[in-house]
Amino acid sequence: MNSFQEFDSSNTNSTKATNFPSSSSAAPAATAPPCSSSSSSTTLSRYENQKRRDWNTFGQYLRNHRPPLSLSRCSGAHVLEFLRYLDQFGKTKVHTQLCPFFGHPNPPAPCPCPLRQAWGSLDALIGRLRAAFEENGGKPEANPFGARAVRLYLREVRDSQAKARGISYEKKKRKRPQQPSLPPSNNA
């Protein structure tokens, strides 16, 4: 075993994340070992449960990969491959540039454009997997979920989905607290 915990290879059930592939072969949540955490409570938060399911789903993906991959050999390219694989289970309509509804937020009629994973779902998934990697003993500098290629891919997905749906994603500007204005001084 490497410096971090490898996925449990004895779990041969296909574990699926609830936000992504929904399959009848999903393993019950109780059979999957939870991510290592410092809390001793038996009830995990919704976030912790989702993180564990996502971690197990990625582990299953690596085991089903041809050839099977160990987590220590996993790179940002494999994470991108995983994200593209998840697109087949998406529910967000992303219009192609040839579609007459490209750039329209509310198309008036159905079209044959593909369904994809929404950018927000992918972004949240990567955040959970990045945290799970480090909780399971991975070093932050070796985290494949934090690779530059993954960040660029997510930015590209966000921008392309925004254009396809006619919605702009503006970076929110921080509101600065207003300084109380001082009355003008009479030094004349």
C-alpha atoms as a PDB file:
ATOM      1  CA  MET A   1       0.000   0.000   0.000  1.00  0.00           C
ATOM      2  CA  ASN A   2       1.225   3.486  -0.804  1.00  0.00           C
ATOM      3  CA  SER A   3       1.461   6.501   1.465  1.00  0.00           C
ATOM      4  CA  PHE A   4      -2.285   6.895   1.244  1.00  0.00           C
ATOM      5  CA  GLN A   5      -5.088   4.402   1.447  1.00  0.00           C
ATOM      6  CA  GLU A   6      -5.909   2.682  -1.821  1.00  0.00           C
ATOM      7  CA  PHE A   7      -9.496   1.940  -2.678  1.00  0.00           C
ATOM      8  CA  ASP A   8     -10.918  -1.234  -1.193  1.00  0.00           C
ATOM      9  CA  SER A   9     -10.549  -3.690  -4.072  1.00  0.00           C
ATOM     10  CA  SER A  10     -12.717  -6.288  -2.316  1.00  0.00           C
ATOM     11  CA  ASN A  11     -15.797  -4.149  -2.926  1.00  0.00           C
ATOM     12  CA  THR A  12     -16.827  -5.384  -6.379  1.00  0.00           C
ATOM     13  CA  ASN A  13     -20.268  -3.784  -6.350  1.00  0.00           C
ATOM     14  CA  SER A  14     -20.646  -0.840  -8.663  1.00  0.00           C
ATOM     15  CA  THR A  15     -20.889   2.191  -6.420  1.00  0.00           C
ATOM     16  CA  LYS A  16     -22.558   5.156  -8.065  1.00  0.00           C
ATOM     17  CA  ALA A  17     -22.818   8.761  -6.934  1.00  0.00           C
ATOM     18  CA  THR A  18     -26.383   9.947  -6.546  1.00  0.00           C
ATOM     19  CA  ASN A  19     -25.849  13.099  -8.587  1.00  0.00           C
ATOM     20  CA  PHE A  20     -24.339  11.150 -11.452  1.00  0.00           C
ATOM     21  CA  PRO A  21     -24.897   7.640 -12.739  1.00  0.00           C
ATOM     22  CA  SER A  22     -28.125   6.335 -11.308  1.00  0.00           C
ATOM     23  CA  SER A  23     -28.108   2.611 -11.605  1.00  0.00           C
ATOM     24  CA  SER A  24     -29.939  -0.204  -9.933  1.00  0.00           C
ATOM     25  CA  SER A  25     -26.582  -1.827  -9.189  1.00  0.00           C
ATOM     26  CA  ALA A  26     -25.576   0.855  -6.704  1.00  0.00           C
ATOM     27  CA  ALA A  27     -24.174  -0.558  -3.501  1.00  0.00           C
ATOM     28  CA  PRO A  28     -25.988   0.369  -0.294  1.00  0.00           C
ATOM     29  CA  ALA A  29     -24.281   3.229   1.509  1.00  0.00           C
ATOM     30  CA  ALA A  30     -23.889   1.147   4.662  1.00  0.00           C
ATOM     31  CA  THR A  31     -21.535  -1.347   2.960  1.00  0.00           C
ATOM     32  CA  ALA A  32     -18.990   1.237   1.867  1.00  0.00           C
ATOM     33  CA  PRO A  33     -16.295   2.195   4.361  1.00  0.00           C
ATOM     34  CA  PRO A  34     -16.490   5.892   5.238  1.00  0.00           C
ATOM     35  CA  CYS A  35     -13.644   8.269   4.465  1.00  0.00           C
ATOM     36  CA  SER A  36     -11.310   8.599   7.381  1.00  0.00           C
ATOM     37  CA  SER A  37     -12.357  11.513   9.531  1.00  0.00           C
ATOM     38  CA  SER A  38     -11.582  12.828  12.942  1.00  0.00           C
ATOM     39  CA  SER A  39     -15.200  12.846  14.113  1.00  0.00           C
ATOM     40  CA  SER A  40     -16.421   9.818  16.003  1.00  0.00           C
ATOM     41  CA  SER A  41     -20.117  10.363  15.349  1.00  0.00           C
ATOM     42  CA  THR A  42     -21.920   7.608  13.492  1.00  0.00           C
ATOM     43  CA  THR A  43     -24.186   9.960  11.563  1.00  0.00           C
ATOM     44  CA  LEU A  44     -22.378  11.618   8.699  1.00  0.00           C
ATOM     45  CA  SER A  45     -23.542  14.875   7.175  1.00  0.00           C
ATOM     46  CA  ARG A  46     -25.080  14.947   3.734  1.00  0.00           C
ATOM     47  CA  TYR A  47     -21.811  16.390   2.403  1.00  0.00           C
ATOM     48  CA  GLU A  48     -19.739  13.619   4.025  1.00  0.00           C
ATOM     49  CA  ASN A  49     -22.058  10.926   2.647  1.00  0.00           C
ATOM     50  CA  GLN A  50     -21.889  12.418  -0.844  1.00  0.00           C
ATOM     51  CA  LYS A  51     -18.110  12.732  -0.601  1.00  0.00           C
ATOM     52  CA  ARG A  52     -17.830   9.064   0.398  1.00  0.00           C
ATOM     53  CA  ARG A  53     -20.114   7.975  -2.466  1.00  0.00           C
ATOM     54  CA  ASP A  54     -18.144  10.080  -4.953  1.00  0.00           C
ATOM     55  CA  TRP A  55     -14.856   8.665  -3.667  1.00  0.00           C
ATOM     56  CA  ASN A  56     -16.170   5.115  -4.005  1.00  0.00           C
ATOM     57  CA  THR A  57     -17.515   5.868  -7.497  1.00  0.00           C
ATOM     58  CA  PHE A  58     -14.132   7.153  -8.608  1.00  0.00           C
ATOM     59  CA  GLY A  59     -12.484   4.079  -7.090  1.00  0.00           C
ATOM     60  CA  GLN A  60     -14.870   1.842  -9.023  1.00  0.00           C
ATOM     61  CA  TYR A  61     -14.068   3.788 -12.190  1.00  0.00           C
ATOM     62  CA  LEU A  62     -10.340   3.193 -11.642  1.00  0.00           C
ATOM     63  CA  ARG A  63     -10.900  -0.526 -11.035  1.00  0.00           C
ATOM     64  CA  ASN A  64     -13.017  -0.811 -14.215  1.00  0.00           C
ATOM     65  CA  HIS A  65     -10.487   1.177 -16.251  1.00  0.00           C
ATOM     66  CA  ARG A  66      -8.631  -0.829 -18.881  1.00  0.00           C
ATOM     67  CA  PRO A  67      -5.972  -1.492 -17.728  1.00  0.00           C
ATOM     68  CA  PRO A  68      -7.025  -1.052 -14.086  1.00  0.00           C
ATOM     69  CA  LEU A  69      -5.389   1.956 -12.454  1.00  0.00           C
ATOM     70  CA  SER A  70      -4.137   2.428  -8.952  1.00  0.00           C
ATOM     71  CA  LEU A  71      -4.776   5.772  -7.331  1.00  0.00           C
ATOM     72  CA  SER A  72      -1.037   6.405  -7.061  1.00  0.00           C
ATOM     73  CA  ARG A  73      -0.772   6.301 -10.878  1.00  0.00           C
ATOM     74  CA  CYS A  74      -3.852   8.451 -11.429  1.00  0.00           C
ATOM     75  CA  SER A  75      -3.238  11.834 -13.055  1.00  0.00           C
ATOM     76  CA  GLY A  76      -5.256  14.860 -14.063  1.00  0.00           C
ATOM     77  CA  ALA A  77      -5.760  13.232 -17.476  1.00  0.00           C
ATOM     78  CA  HIS A  78      -7.538  10.297 -15.819  1.00  0.00           C
ATOM     79  CA  VAL A  79      -9.732  12.707 -13.864  1.00  0.00           C
ATOM     80  CA  LEU A  80     -10.680  14.416 -17.151  1.00  0.00           C
ATOM     81  CA  GLU A  81     -11.485  11.019 -18.646  1.00  0.00           C
ATOM     82  CA  PHE A  82     -13.738  10.342 -15.632  1.00  0.00           C
ATOM     83  CA  LEU A  83     -15.530  13.686 -16.035  1.00  0.00           C
ATOM     84  CA  ARG A  84     -16.151  13.013 -19.734  1.00  0.00           C
ATOM     85  CA  TYR A  85     -17.448   9.554 -18.846  1.00  0.00           C
ATOM     86  CA  LEU A  86     -19.947  11.144 -16.451  1.00  0.00           C
ATOM     87  CA  ASP A  87     -21.381  13.316 -19.238  1.00  0.00           C
ATOM     88  CA  GLN A  88     -23.401  10.362 -20.497  1.00  0.00           C
ATOM     89  CA  PHE A  89     -25.448  10.564 -17.282  1.00  0.00           C
ATOM     90  CA  GLY A  90     -26.016  14.327 -17.489  1.00  0.00           C
ATOM     91  CA  LYS A  91     -29.358  16.087 -17.419  1.00  0.00           C
ATOM     92  CA  THR A  92     -28.367  19.557 -18.620  1.00  0.00           C
ATOM     93  CA  LYS A  93     -29.157  20.393 -22.247  1.00  0.00           C
ATOM     94  CA  VAL A  94     -26.133  22.009 -23.888  1.00  0.00           C
ATOM     95  CA  HIS A  95     -26.916  23.479 -27.309  1.00  0.00           C
ATOM     96  CA  THR A  96     -24.412  23.091 -30.122  1.00  0.00           C
ATOM     97  CA  GLN A  97     -23.455  26.119 -32.206  1.00  0.00           C
ATOM     98  CA  LEU A  98     -25.520  24.773 -35.115  1.00  0.00           C
ATOM     99  CA  CYS A  99     -28.670  24.597 -32.979  1.00  0.00           C
ATOM    100  CA  PRO A 100     -31.188  27.411 -33.595  1.00  0.00           C
ATOM    101  CA  PHE A 101     -31.579  27.722 -29.811  1.00  0.00           C
ATOM    102  CA  PHE A 102     -27.859  28.272 -29.153  1.00  0.00           C
ATOM    103  CA  GLY A 103     -27.554  31.202 -26.774  1.00  0.00           C
ATOM    104  CA  HIS A 104     -31.206  31.146 -25.683  1.00  0.00           C
ATOM    105  CA  PRO A 105     -31.732  30.517 -21.957  1.00  0.00           C
ATOM    106  CA  ASN A 106     -35.291  29.187 -22.453  1.00  0.00           C
ATOM    107  CA  PRO A 107     -35.670  27.453 -25.818  1.00  0.00           C
ATOM    108  CA  PRO A 108     -39.293  27.387 -27.077  1.00  0.00           C
ATOM    109  CA  ALA A 109     -39.114  23.851 -28.488  1.00  0.00           C
ATOM    110  CA  PRO A 110     -37.179  20.601 -28.004  1.00  0.00           C
ATOM    111  CA  CYS A 111     -33.967  20.012 -29.914  1.00  0.00           C
ATOM    112  CA  PRO A 112     -31.571  17.075 -30.435  1.00  0.00           C
ATOM    113  CA  CYS A 113     -28.679  18.690 -28.559  1.00  0.00           C
ATOM    114  CA  PRO A 114     -26.833  16.443 -26.090  1.00  0.00           C
ATOM    115  CA  LEU A 115     -27.395  16.240 -22.353  1.00  0.00           C
ATOM    116  CA  ARG A 116     -24.295  16.872 -20.254  1.00  0.00           C
ATOM    117  CA  GLN A 117     -23.317  17.197 -16.626  1.00  0.00           C
ATOM    118  CA  ALA A 118     -23.902  20.724 -15.412  1.00  0.00           C
ATOM    119  CA  TRP A 119     -20.800  22.745 -14.670  1.00  0.00           C
ATOM    120  CA  GLY A 120     -21.880  23.355 -11.060  1.00  0.00           C
ATOM    121  CA  SER A 121     -22.261  19.614 -10.441  1.00  0.00           C
ATOM    122  CA  LEU A 122     -18.824  18.871 -11.859  1.00  0.00           C
ATOM    123  CA  ASP A 123     -17.248  21.687  -9.870  1.00  0.00           C
ATOM    124  CA  ALA A 124     -18.802  20.423  -6.628  1.00  0.00           C
ATOM    125  CA  LEU A 125     -17.797  16.838  -7.443  1.00  0.00           C
ATOM    126  CA  ILE A 126     -14.158  17.831  -7.985  1.00  0.00           C
ATOM    127  CA  GLY A 127     -14.189  19.746  -4.700  1.00  0.00           C
ATOM    128  CA  ARG A 128     -15.462  16.698  -2.805  1.00  0.00           C
ATOM    129  CA  LEU A 129     -12.998  14.337  -4.509  1.00  0.00           C
ATOM    130  CA  ARG A 130     -10.119  16.719  -3.859  1.00  0.00           C
ATOM    131  CA  ALA A 131     -10.990  16.775  -0.161  1.00  0.00           C
ATOM    132  CA  ALA A 132     -11.485  12.990  -0.029  1.00  0.00           C
ATOM    133  CA  PHE A 133      -8.095  12.396  -1.654  1.00  0.00           C
ATOM    134  CA  GLU A 134      -6.315  14.347   1.068  1.00  0.00           C
ATOM    135  CA  GLU A 135      -8.440  12.834   3.862  1.00  0.00           C
ATOM    136  CA  ASN A 136      -7.366   9.405   2.666  1.00  0.00           C
ATOM    137  CA  GLY A 137      -3.692  10.231   3.022  1.00  0.00           C
ATOM    138  CA  GLY A 138      -2.890  11.765  -0.362  1.00  0.00           C
ATOM    139  CA  LYS A 139      -0.433  14.627  -0.491  1.00  0.00           C
ATOM    140  CA  PRO A 140      -1.919  17.963  -1.618  1.00  0.00           C
ATOM    141  CA  GLU A 141       0.841  18.509  -4.188  1.00  0.00           C
ATOM    142  CA  ALA A 142       0.073  15.102  -5.764  1.00  0.00           C
ATOM    143  CA  ASN A 143      -3.714  15.576  -5.823  1.00  0.00           C
ATOM    144  CA  PRO A 144      -4.909  14.754  -9.380  1.00  0.00           C
ATOM    145  CA  PHE A 145      -8.219  16.558  -8.715  1.00  0.00           C
ATOM    146  CA  GLY A 146      -6.357  19.826  -8.247  1.00  0.00           C
ATOM    147  CA  ALA A 147      -4.356  19.521 -11.465  1.00  0.00           C
ATOM    148  CA  ARG A 148      -4.165  22.569 -13.705  1.00  0.00           C
ATOM    149  CA  ALA A 149      -5.726  20.599 -16.593  1.00  0.00           C
ATOM    150  CA  VAL A 150      -8.788  19.844 -14.439  1.00  0.00           C
ATOM    151  CA  ARG A 151      -9.205  23.511 -13.477  1.00  0.00           C
ATOM    152  CA  LEU A 152      -8.908  24.563 -17.123  1.00  0.00           C
ATOM    153  CA  TYR A 153     -11.410  21.912 -18.201  1.00  0.00           C
ATOM    154  CA  LEU A 154     -13.937  23.092 -15.615  1.00  0.00           C
ATOM    155  CA  ARG A 155     -13.492  26.694 -16.751  1.00  0.00           C
ATOM    156  CA  GLU A 156     -13.990  25.607 -20.369  1.00  0.00           C
ATOM    157  CA  VAL A 157     -17.156  23.660 -19.480  1.00  0.00           C
ATOM    158  CA  ARG A 158     -18.511  26.635 -17.529  1.00  0.00           C
ATOM    159  CA  ASP A 159     -17.873  29.060 -20.377  1.00  0.00           C
ATOM    160  CA  SER A 160     -19.213  26.785 -23.112  1.00  0.00           C
ATOM    161  CA  GLN A 161     -22.376  25.997 -21.142  1.00  0.00           C
ATOM    162  CA  ALA A 162     -22.892  29.677 -20.407  1.00  0.00           C
ATOM    163  CA  LYS A 163     -22.627  30.548 -24.113  1.00  0.00           C
ATOM    164  CA  ALA A 164     -24.854  27.665 -25.163  1.00  0.00           C
ATOM    165  CA  ARG A 165     -27.566  28.740 -22.734  1.00  0.00           C
ATOM    166  CA  GLY A 166     -27.112  32.485 -23.141  1.00  0.00           C
ATOM    167  CA  ILE A 167     -26.200  32.976 -19.487  1.00  0.00           C
ATOM    168  CA  SER A 168     -23.083  34.849 -18.507  1.00  0.00           C
ATOM    169  CA  TYR A 169     -21.133  33.844 -15.450  1.00  0.00           C
ATOM    170  CA  GLU A 170     -19.746  37.047 -14.048  1.00  0.00           C
ATOM    171  CA  LYS A 171     -17.200  36.827 -11.310  1.00  0.00           C
ATOM    172  CA  LYS A 172     -18.841  38.284  -8.234  1.00  0.00           C
ATOM    173  CA  LYS A 173     -17.123  41.368  -6.956  1.00  0.00           C
ATOM    174  CA  ARG A 174     -16.561  41.620  -3.250  1.00  0.00           C
ATOM    175  CA  LYS A 175     -18.539  44.320  -1.595  1.00  0.00           C
ATOM    176  CA  ARG A 176     -16.315  46.497   0.499  1.00  0.00           C
ATOM    177  CA  PRO A 177     -17.759  47.856   3.696  1.00  0.00           C
ATOM    178  CA  GLN A 178     -18.513  51.514   3.267  1.00  0.00           C
ATOM    179  CA  GLN A 179     -16.361  53.886   5.256  1.00  0.00           C
ATOM    180  CA  PRO A 180     -18.341  56.427   7.226  1.00  0.00           C
ATOM    181  CA  SER A 181     -17.912  59.708   5.405  1.00  0.00           C
ATOM    182  CA  LEU A 182     -16.303  62.453   7.429  1.00  0.00           C
ATOM    183  CA  PRO A 183     -17.771  65.954   7.302  1.00  0.00           C
ATOM    184  CA  PRO A 184     -15.573  68.446   5.431  1.00  0.00           C
ATOM    185  CA  SER A 185     -13.221  70.284   7.710  1.00  0.00           C
ATOM    186  CA  ASN A 186     -13.308  74.096   7.922  1.00  0.00           C
ATOM    187  CA  ASN A 187      -9.589  74.874   7.930  1.00  0.00           C
ATOM    188  CA  ALA A 188      -9.846  77.882   5.643  1.00  0.00           C
END
